[in-house]
């Protein structure tokens, strides 16, 4: 009996071709659903994940601050600011 699994991968648009080639080599059945988040949607999702992380107590206050600073810097690099 053949056992299969469903694998959901969220990747940047630039990696789509790479993953399609990997799927081809693996003879995997592929279903592509292209939904790209706006920057605002990304920010909201990251904020939500950070808030959930706070509830879990996984990051110290210093680690949370470092993550926020890193996200802020990376976002401004992407925007060319």
N, C-alpha and C. Protein backbone atom coordinates (compact mmCIF):
# COMPACT_ATOMS: atom_id res chain seq x y z
N UNK A 1 0.84 -1.18 0.00
CA UNK A 1 0.00 0.00 0.00
C UNK A 1 0.89 1.24 0.00
N UNK A 2 0.58 2.15 -0.87
CA UNK A 2 1.33 3.40 -0.98
C UNK A 2 0.82 4.40 0.05
N UNK A 3 1.74 4.95 0.83
CA UNK A 3 1.38 5.96 1.82
C UNK A 3 1.81 7.32 1.30
N UNK A 4 0.89 8.26 1.34
CA UNK A 4 1.22 9.61 0.90
C UNK A 4 0.93 10.60 2.01
N UNK A 5 1.49 11.78 1.87
CA UNK A 5 1.20 12.85 2.82
C UNK A 5 0.97 14.13 2.04
N UNK A 6 0.27 15.03 2.67
CA UNK A 6 0.03 16.35 2.07
C UNK A 6 1.00 17.32 2.71
N UNK A 7 1.73 18.04 1.91
CA UNK A 7 2.73 18.99 2.37
C UNK A 7 2.37 20.36 1.83
N UNK A 8 2.16 21.31 2.72
CA UNK A 8 1.82 22.67 2.33
C UNK A 8 3.05 23.54 2.57
N UNK A 9 3.49 24.24 1.54
CA UNK A 9 4.69 25.06 1.63
C UNK A 9 4.35 26.48 1.20
N UNK A 10 4.66 27.43 2.06
CA UNK A 10 4.52 28.84 1.70
C UNK A 10 5.91 29.37 1.36
N UNK A 11 6.09 29.81 0.13
CA UNK A 11 7.40 30.31 -0.29
C UNK A 11 7.25 31.65 -1.00
N UNK A 12 8.35 32.37 -1.05
CA UNK A 12 8.38 33.61 -1.83
C UNK A 12 8.23 33.26 -3.30
N UNK A 13 7.68 34.18 -4.03
CA UNK A 13 7.44 34.00 -5.46
C UNK A 13 8.71 33.56 -6.19
N UNK A 14 9.86 34.09 -5.76
CA UNK A 14 11.12 33.80 -6.45
C UNK A 14 11.52 32.32 -6.38
N UNK A 15 10.97 31.58 -5.41
CA UNK A 15 11.34 30.17 -5.25
C UNK A 15 10.34 29.21 -5.89
N UNK A 16 9.32 29.73 -6.51
CA UNK A 16 8.29 28.87 -7.09
C UNK A 16 8.88 27.87 -8.09
N UNK A 17 9.69 28.36 -9.00
CA UNK A 17 10.26 27.49 -10.04
C UNK A 17 11.11 26.39 -9.40
N UNK A 18 11.89 26.74 -8.40
CA UNK A 18 12.73 25.76 -7.71
C UNK A 18 11.89 24.64 -7.11
N UNK A 19 10.82 25.00 -6.39
CA UNK A 19 9.99 23.99 -5.77
C UNK A 19 9.22 23.16 -6.80
N UNK A 20 8.86 23.77 -7.90
CA UNK A 20 8.19 23.02 -8.96
C UNK A 20 9.13 21.97 -9.56
N UNK A 21 10.40 22.34 -9.72
CA UNK A 21 11.39 21.38 -10.24
C UNK A 21 11.62 20.24 -9.25
N UNK A 22 11.69 20.57 -7.96
CA UNK A 22 11.86 19.53 -6.93
C UNK A 22 10.66 18.59 -6.95
N UNK A 23 9.47 19.13 -7.05
CA UNK A 23 8.26 18.31 -7.09
C UNK A 23 8.27 17.39 -8.31
N UNK A 24 8.75 17.90 -9.43
CA UNK A 24 8.83 17.11 -10.66
C UNK A 24 9.77 15.93 -10.47
N UNK A 25 10.93 16.19 -9.88
CA UNK A 25 11.91 15.12 -9.64
C UNK A 25 11.33 14.08 -8.68
N UNK A 26 10.59 14.54 -7.67
CA UNK A 26 10.00 13.64 -6.68
C UNK A 26 8.72 12.98 -7.19
N UNK A 27 8.34 13.31 -8.43
CA UNK A 27 7.10 12.79 -9.02
C UNK A 27 5.91 13.06 -8.11
N UNK A 28 5.88 14.26 -7.56
CA UNK A 28 4.82 14.66 -6.64
C UNK A 28 3.68 15.32 -7.39
N UNK A 29 2.49 15.07 -6.93
CA UNK A 29 1.32 15.76 -7.45
C UNK A 29 1.32 17.15 -6.83
N UNK A 30 1.22 18.18 -7.65
CA UNK A 30 1.34 19.55 -7.17
C UNK A 30 0.05 20.32 -7.44
N UNK A 31 -0.38 21.04 -6.44
CA UNK A 31 -1.52 21.95 -6.58
C UNK A 31 -1.03 23.32 -6.13
N UNK A 32 -0.99 24.26 -7.04
CA UNK A 32 -0.46 25.59 -6.74
C UNK A 32 -1.63 26.54 -6.48
N UNK A 33 -1.57 27.19 -5.34
CA UNK A 33 -2.53 28.23 -5.01
C UNK A 33 -1.73 29.50 -4.78
N UNK A 34 -1.78 30.38 -5.74
CA UNK A 34 -0.98 31.60 -5.65
C UNK A 34 -1.77 32.70 -4.95
N UNK A 35 -1.37 32.97 -3.76
CA UNK A 35 -1.93 34.08 -2.99
C UNK A 35 -0.75 34.79 -2.36
N UNK A 36 -0.53 36.00 -2.76
CA UNK A 36 0.60 36.76 -2.25
C UNK A 36 0.10 37.78 -1.25
N UNK A 37 0.73 37.78 -0.09
CA UNK A 37 0.35 38.73 0.96
C UNK A 37 0.86 40.12 0.63
N UNK A 38 0.05 41.10 0.94
CA UNK A 38 0.52 42.48 0.84
C UNK A 38 1.46 42.72 2.02
N UNK A 39 2.21 43.78 1.97
CA UNK A 39 3.10 44.11 3.08
C UNK A 39 2.30 44.30 4.37
N UNK A 40 1.13 44.90 4.26
CA UNK A 40 0.28 45.11 5.43
C UNK A 40 -0.18 43.77 6.01
N UNK A 41 -0.56 42.83 5.13
CA UNK A 41 -0.98 41.50 5.59
C UNK A 41 0.18 40.76 6.26
N UNK A 42 1.39 40.89 5.67
CA UNK A 42 2.57 40.28 6.28
C UNK A 42 2.82 40.84 7.67
N UNK A 43 2.73 42.17 7.79
CA UNK A 43 2.94 42.82 9.08
C UNK A 43 1.94 42.33 10.12
N UNK A 44 0.68 42.23 9.72
CA UNK A 44 -0.35 41.76 10.65
C UNK A 44 -0.09 40.32 11.07
N UNK A 45 0.30 39.48 10.12
CA UNK A 45 0.57 38.08 10.43
C UNK A 45 1.77 37.96 11.38
N UNK A 46 2.82 38.71 11.12
CA UNK A 46 3.99 38.68 12.00
C UNK A 46 3.65 39.19 13.39
N UNK A 47 2.87 40.26 13.46
CA UNK A 47 2.46 40.80 14.75
C UNK A 47 1.65 39.76 15.53
N UNK A 48 0.73 39.09 14.82
CA UNK A 48 -0.08 38.06 15.47
C UNK A 48 0.80 36.93 16.01
N UNK A 49 1.76 36.49 15.21
CA UNK A 49 2.66 35.43 15.67
C UNK A 49 3.50 35.88 16.86
N UNK A 50 3.94 37.13 16.84
CA UNK A 50 4.72 37.65 17.97
C UNK A 50 3.86 37.70 19.23
N UNK A 51 2.61 38.11 19.10
CA UNK A 51 1.71 38.16 20.26
C UNK A 51 1.46 36.75 20.80
N UNK A 52 1.28 35.79 19.90
CA UNK A 52 1.09 34.41 20.34
C UNK A 52 2.34 33.90 21.04
N UNK A 53 3.50 34.28 20.52
CA UNK A 53 4.76 33.89 21.16
C UNK A 53 4.89 34.45 22.56
N UNK A 54 4.41 35.68 22.75
CA UNK A 54 4.45 36.28 24.09
C UNK A 54 3.61 35.46 25.06
N UNK A 55 2.47 34.98 24.60
CA UNK A 55 1.60 34.17 25.45
C UNK A 55 2.28 32.87 25.85
N UNK A 56 3.08 32.34 24.96
CA UNK A 56 3.78 31.09 25.23
C UNK A 56 4.99 31.31 26.12
N UNK A 57 5.47 32.55 26.17
CA UNK A 57 6.64 32.83 27.00
C UNK A 57 7.93 32.26 26.45
N UNK A 58 8.00 32.09 25.15
CA UNK A 58 9.19 31.50 24.54
C UNK A 58 10.35 32.48 24.44
N UNK A 59 10.07 33.76 24.25
CA UNK A 59 11.12 34.76 24.10
C UNK A 59 11.21 35.63 25.35
N UNK A 60 12.43 35.93 25.72
CA UNK A 60 12.62 36.88 26.81
C UNK A 60 12.30 38.28 26.29
N UNK A 61 12.18 39.25 27.18
CA UNK A 61 11.91 40.63 26.76
C UNK A 61 13.01 41.12 25.81
N UNK A 62 14.25 40.79 26.12
CA UNK A 62 15.37 41.21 25.27
C UNK A 62 15.27 40.57 23.89
N UNK A 63 14.89 39.28 23.85
CA UNK A 63 14.75 38.59 22.56
C UNK A 63 13.60 39.19 21.75
N UNK A 64 12.50 39.54 22.41
CA UNK A 64 11.38 40.17 21.72
C UNK A 64 11.80 41.51 21.12
N UNK A 65 12.55 42.29 21.90
CA UNK A 65 13.03 43.58 21.43
C UNK A 65 13.95 43.40 20.23
N UNK A 66 14.86 42.43 20.32
CA UNK A 66 15.77 42.16 19.20
C UNK A 66 15.01 41.76 17.95
N UNK A 67 13.98 40.92 18.11
CA UNK A 67 13.20 40.49 16.95
C UNK A 67 12.47 41.67 16.33
N UNK A 68 11.84 42.50 17.15
CA UNK A 68 11.14 43.68 16.63
C UNK A 68 12.11 44.60 15.89
N UNK A 69 13.27 44.83 16.48
CA UNK A 69 14.27 45.69 15.83
C UNK A 69 14.71 45.11 14.50
N UNK A 70 14.95 43.80 14.47
CA UNK A 70 15.37 43.14 13.24
C UNK A 70 14.28 43.26 12.18
N UNK A 71 13.03 43.01 12.56
CA UNK A 71 11.92 43.12 11.60
C UNK A 71 11.81 44.53 11.05
N UNK A 72 11.97 45.51 11.93
CA UNK A 72 11.89 46.92 11.52
C UNK A 72 13.00 47.24 10.52
N UNK A 73 14.22 46.81 10.82
CA UNK A 73 15.37 47.08 9.95
C UNK A 73 15.18 46.38 8.61
N UNK A 74 14.78 45.10 8.62
CA UNK A 74 14.60 44.35 7.38
C UNK A 74 13.51 44.97 6.51
N UNK A 75 12.44 45.41 7.13
CA UNK A 75 11.35 46.02 6.36
C UNK A 75 11.83 47.29 5.69
N UNK A 76 12.61 48.09 6.41
CA UNK A 76 13.09 49.33 5.83
C UNK A 76 14.17 49.09 4.77
N UNK A 77 14.93 48.03 4.92
CA UNK A 77 15.90 47.67 3.87
C UNK A 77 15.14 47.33 2.59
N UNK A 78 14.06 46.55 2.75
CA UNK A 78 13.26 46.12 1.60
C UNK A 78 12.62 47.31 0.89
N UNK A 79 12.25 48.31 1.67
CA UNK A 79 11.61 49.50 1.11
C UNK A 79 12.62 50.53 0.62
N UNK A 80 13.90 50.25 0.82
CA UNK A 80 14.93 51.17 0.35
C UNK A 80 15.09 52.40 1.20
N UNK A 81 14.62 52.34 2.44
CA UNK A 81 14.74 53.50 3.34
C UNK A 81 16.02 53.44 4.13
